[in-house]
N, C-alpha and C. Protein backbone atom coordinates (compact mmCIF):
# COMPACT_ATOMS: atom_id res chain seq x y z
N MET A 1 -17.29 32.57 -16.77
CA MET A 1 -16.91 32.30 -15.41
C MET A 1 -17.43 30.94 -14.96
N ASP A 2 -18.66 30.61 -15.32
CA ASP A 2 -19.23 29.33 -14.93
C ASP A 2 -18.48 28.16 -15.56
N PHE A 3 -18.00 28.35 -16.76
CA PHE A 3 -17.27 27.29 -17.45
C PHE A 3 -15.97 26.96 -16.71
N ILE A 4 -15.27 27.97 -16.20
CA ILE A 4 -14.03 27.75 -15.47
C ILE A 4 -14.32 27.00 -14.17
N VAL A 5 -15.39 27.36 -13.49
CA VAL A 5 -15.77 26.67 -12.26
C VAL A 5 -16.10 25.21 -12.57
N TYR A 6 -16.81 24.97 -13.68
CA TYR A 6 -17.16 23.61 -14.08
C TYR A 6 -15.91 22.78 -14.35
N ILE A 7 -14.95 23.34 -15.07
CA ILE A 7 -13.70 22.63 -15.37
C ILE A 7 -12.96 22.30 -14.08
N THR A 8 -12.90 23.25 -13.16
CA THR A 8 -12.22 23.04 -11.89
C THR A 8 -12.89 21.92 -11.10
N MET A 9 -14.22 21.93 -11.06
CA MET A 9 -14.95 20.88 -10.34
C MET A 9 -14.74 19.53 -10.99
N GLU A 10 -14.70 19.49 -12.32
CA GLU A 10 -14.49 18.24 -13.03
C GLU A 10 -13.10 17.67 -12.72
N LYS A 11 -12.09 18.52 -12.71
CA LYS A 11 -10.74 18.07 -12.37
C LYS A 11 -10.69 17.53 -10.95
N ARG A 12 -11.36 18.20 -10.04
CA ARG A 12 -11.38 17.75 -8.65
C ARG A 12 -12.07 16.39 -8.52
N LEU A 13 -13.18 16.19 -9.25
CA LEU A 13 -13.88 14.91 -9.22
C LEU A 13 -13.02 13.80 -9.80
N ASN A 14 -12.33 14.07 -10.91
CA ASN A 14 -11.45 13.07 -11.49
C ASN A 14 -10.33 12.70 -10.52
N TYR A 15 -9.80 13.69 -9.82
CA TYR A 15 -8.75 13.43 -8.83
C TYR A 15 -9.30 12.54 -7.72
N LEU A 16 -10.52 12.82 -7.26
CA LEU A 16 -11.11 12.01 -6.19
C LEU A 16 -11.35 10.58 -6.65
N ARG A 17 -11.83 10.41 -7.88
CA ARG A 17 -12.05 9.05 -8.40
C ARG A 17 -10.73 8.29 -8.48
N HIS A 18 -9.71 8.96 -8.99
CA HIS A 18 -8.39 8.33 -9.12
C HIS A 18 -7.84 7.97 -7.74
N THR A 19 -8.01 8.85 -6.78
CA THR A 19 -7.53 8.61 -5.42
C THR A 19 -8.27 7.43 -4.80
N ASN A 20 -9.56 7.35 -5.01
CA ASN A 20 -10.34 6.24 -4.46
C ASN A 20 -9.90 4.91 -5.06
N GLU A 21 -9.60 4.89 -6.35
CA GLU A 21 -9.12 3.65 -6.98
C GLU A 21 -7.78 3.23 -6.39
N ILE A 22 -6.88 4.19 -6.22
CA ILE A 22 -5.57 3.88 -5.65
C ILE A 22 -5.73 3.37 -4.22
N PHE A 23 -6.59 4.02 -3.44
CA PHE A 23 -6.77 3.61 -2.06
C PHE A 23 -7.35 2.21 -1.97
N ALA A 24 -8.28 1.86 -2.88
CA ALA A 24 -8.84 0.51 -2.87
C ALA A 24 -7.76 -0.53 -3.15
N CYS A 25 -6.89 -0.26 -4.11
CA CYS A 25 -5.80 -1.19 -4.40
C CYS A 25 -4.81 -1.25 -3.26
N ARG A 26 -4.55 -0.12 -2.64
CA ARG A 26 -3.60 -0.07 -1.52
C ARG A 26 -4.14 -0.88 -0.35
N LYS A 27 -5.43 -0.77 -0.11
CA LYS A 27 -6.03 -1.51 0.99
C LYS A 27 -5.90 -3.01 0.76
N GLU A 28 -6.13 -3.45 -0.46
CA GLU A 28 -6.00 -4.88 -0.77
C GLU A 28 -4.57 -5.36 -0.59
N SER A 29 -3.62 -4.58 -1.07
CA SER A 29 -2.22 -5.02 -0.98
C SER A 29 -1.73 -5.01 0.46
N LEU A 30 -2.13 -4.02 1.25
CA LEU A 30 -1.71 -3.99 2.65
C LEU A 30 -2.31 -5.15 3.43
N GLU A 31 -3.56 -5.46 3.19
CA GLU A 31 -4.18 -6.60 3.88
C GLU A 31 -3.45 -7.89 3.53
N ARG A 32 -3.03 -8.03 2.29
CA ARG A 32 -2.32 -9.23 1.87
C ARG A 32 -0.97 -9.34 2.56
N VAL A 33 -0.27 -8.23 2.72
CA VAL A 33 1.03 -8.24 3.39
C VAL A 33 0.88 -8.66 4.84
N PHE A 34 -0.09 -8.10 5.54
CA PHE A 34 -0.28 -8.47 6.93
C PHE A 34 -0.75 -9.92 7.06
N ALA A 35 -1.58 -10.38 6.12
CA ALA A 35 -2.01 -11.78 6.16
C ALA A 35 -0.83 -12.72 5.93
N ASP A 36 0.05 -12.38 4.99
CA ASP A 36 1.26 -13.20 4.77
C ASP A 36 2.13 -13.22 6.01
N ALA A 37 2.27 -12.08 6.66
CA ALA A 37 3.10 -12.02 7.86
C ALA A 37 2.51 -12.88 8.97
N LYS A 38 1.20 -12.86 9.11
CA LYS A 38 0.58 -13.65 10.16
C LYS A 38 0.66 -15.13 9.86
N GLU A 39 0.42 -15.51 8.62
CA GLU A 39 0.42 -16.93 8.26
C GLU A 39 1.82 -17.51 8.20
N CYS A 40 2.67 -16.92 7.39
CA CYS A 40 3.97 -17.52 7.07
C CYS A 40 5.05 -17.23 8.10
N ASP A 41 4.99 -16.08 8.72
CA ASP A 41 6.10 -15.67 9.57
C ASP A 41 5.81 -15.77 11.05
N GLY A 42 4.72 -16.40 11.42
CA GLY A 42 4.44 -16.67 12.82
C GLY A 42 4.08 -15.46 13.64
N LEU A 43 3.19 -14.64 13.17
CA LEU A 43 2.75 -13.47 13.93
C LEU A 43 1.26 -13.55 14.27
N PRO A 44 0.78 -14.65 14.79
CA PRO A 44 -0.65 -14.72 15.06
C PRO A 44 -1.08 -13.93 16.29
N TYR A 45 -0.14 -13.53 17.13
CA TYR A 45 -0.49 -12.85 18.38
C TYR A 45 -0.37 -11.34 18.29
N GLY A 46 -0.10 -10.83 17.14
CA GLY A 46 -0.02 -9.39 16.96
C GLY A 46 1.40 -8.88 16.93
N ILE A 47 1.55 -7.71 16.35
CA ILE A 47 2.88 -7.13 16.17
C ILE A 47 3.45 -6.63 17.50
N LYS A 48 2.58 -6.22 18.41
CA LYS A 48 3.07 -5.68 19.68
C LYS A 48 3.86 -6.72 20.47
N ASN A 49 3.41 -7.95 20.45
CA ASN A 49 4.09 -9.00 21.23
C ASN A 49 5.38 -9.47 20.58
N LYS A 50 5.51 -9.32 19.28
CA LYS A 50 6.71 -9.79 18.59
C LYS A 50 7.29 -8.67 17.73
N PHE A 51 7.64 -7.57 18.38
CA PHE A 51 8.05 -6.37 17.66
C PHE A 51 9.32 -6.59 16.84
N ILE A 52 10.31 -7.24 17.41
CA ILE A 52 11.58 -7.44 16.69
C ILE A 52 11.37 -8.35 15.48
N GLN A 53 10.61 -9.42 15.67
CA GLN A 53 10.36 -10.34 14.56
C GLN A 53 9.56 -9.63 13.46
N ALA A 54 8.60 -8.83 13.86
CA ALA A 54 7.80 -8.10 12.87
C ALA A 54 8.67 -7.11 12.10
N THR A 55 9.55 -6.42 12.81
CA THR A 55 10.42 -5.45 12.15
C THR A 55 11.32 -6.13 11.13
N LEU A 56 11.91 -7.24 11.51
CA LEU A 56 12.77 -7.97 10.58
C LEU A 56 11.97 -8.52 9.40
N THR A 57 10.78 -9.03 9.67
CA THR A 57 9.95 -9.59 8.61
C THR A 57 9.59 -8.52 7.58
N PHE A 58 9.10 -7.38 8.04
CA PHE A 58 8.69 -6.34 7.11
C PHE A 58 9.88 -5.68 6.43
N SER A 59 11.02 -5.63 7.11
CA SER A 59 12.23 -5.12 6.46
C SER A 59 12.63 -6.03 5.30
N ALA A 60 12.57 -7.34 5.54
CA ALA A 60 12.90 -8.29 4.48
C ALA A 60 11.91 -8.18 3.32
N MET A 61 10.63 -8.02 3.64
CA MET A 61 9.63 -7.89 2.58
C MET A 61 9.86 -6.60 1.79
N ASN A 62 10.21 -5.51 2.46
CA ASN A 62 10.48 -4.25 1.76
C ASN A 62 11.73 -4.35 0.89
N LEU A 63 12.76 -5.02 1.39
CA LEU A 63 13.97 -5.21 0.58
C LEU A 63 13.67 -6.04 -0.66
N ASN A 64 12.81 -7.04 -0.49
CA ASN A 64 12.43 -7.88 -1.63
C ASN A 64 11.68 -7.04 -2.67
N LYS A 65 10.75 -6.20 -2.22
CA LYS A 65 10.02 -5.34 -3.15
C LYS A 65 10.97 -4.35 -3.84
N LEU A 66 11.90 -3.79 -3.07
CA LEU A 66 12.86 -2.85 -3.63
C LEU A 66 13.74 -3.52 -4.68
N ALA A 67 14.18 -4.74 -4.39
CA ALA A 67 15.01 -5.47 -5.35
C ALA A 67 14.23 -5.76 -6.63
N ASN A 68 12.98 -6.18 -6.50
CA ASN A 68 12.15 -6.44 -7.68
C ASN A 68 11.90 -5.16 -8.46
N TRP A 69 11.67 -4.06 -7.76
CA TRP A 69 11.39 -2.79 -8.41
C TRP A 69 12.62 -2.29 -9.17
N THR A 70 13.80 -2.37 -8.56
CA THR A 70 15.01 -1.90 -9.25
C THR A 70 15.37 -2.83 -10.40
N TRP A 71 15.05 -4.10 -10.28
CA TRP A 71 15.33 -5.05 -11.36
C TRP A 71 14.48 -4.72 -12.59
N GLN A 72 13.23 -4.31 -12.37
CA GLN A 72 12.34 -3.98 -13.49
C GLN A 72 12.83 -2.76 -14.26
N PHE A 73 13.39 -1.78 -13.57
CA PHE A 73 13.79 -0.54 -14.23
C PHE A 73 15.27 -0.52 -14.61
N ALA A 74 15.99 -1.58 -14.34
CA ALA A 74 17.42 -1.61 -14.67
C ALA A 74 17.63 -1.97 -16.12
């Protein structure tokens, strides 16, 4: 019985480690996207003040990522 509990705990710890690694990478990539939007696309005053421009900017960035992603798997 103890062995099964140990295996379950080990799987849970591995899942948490993997999740933490993914979250760290996600945080870096999201910060980079917002920094690019602020620098290149003229959003220094925040997304609330320029909602339409922000929506178009991030839509274009998402379409670009989608195009690159589909190109890799085609």
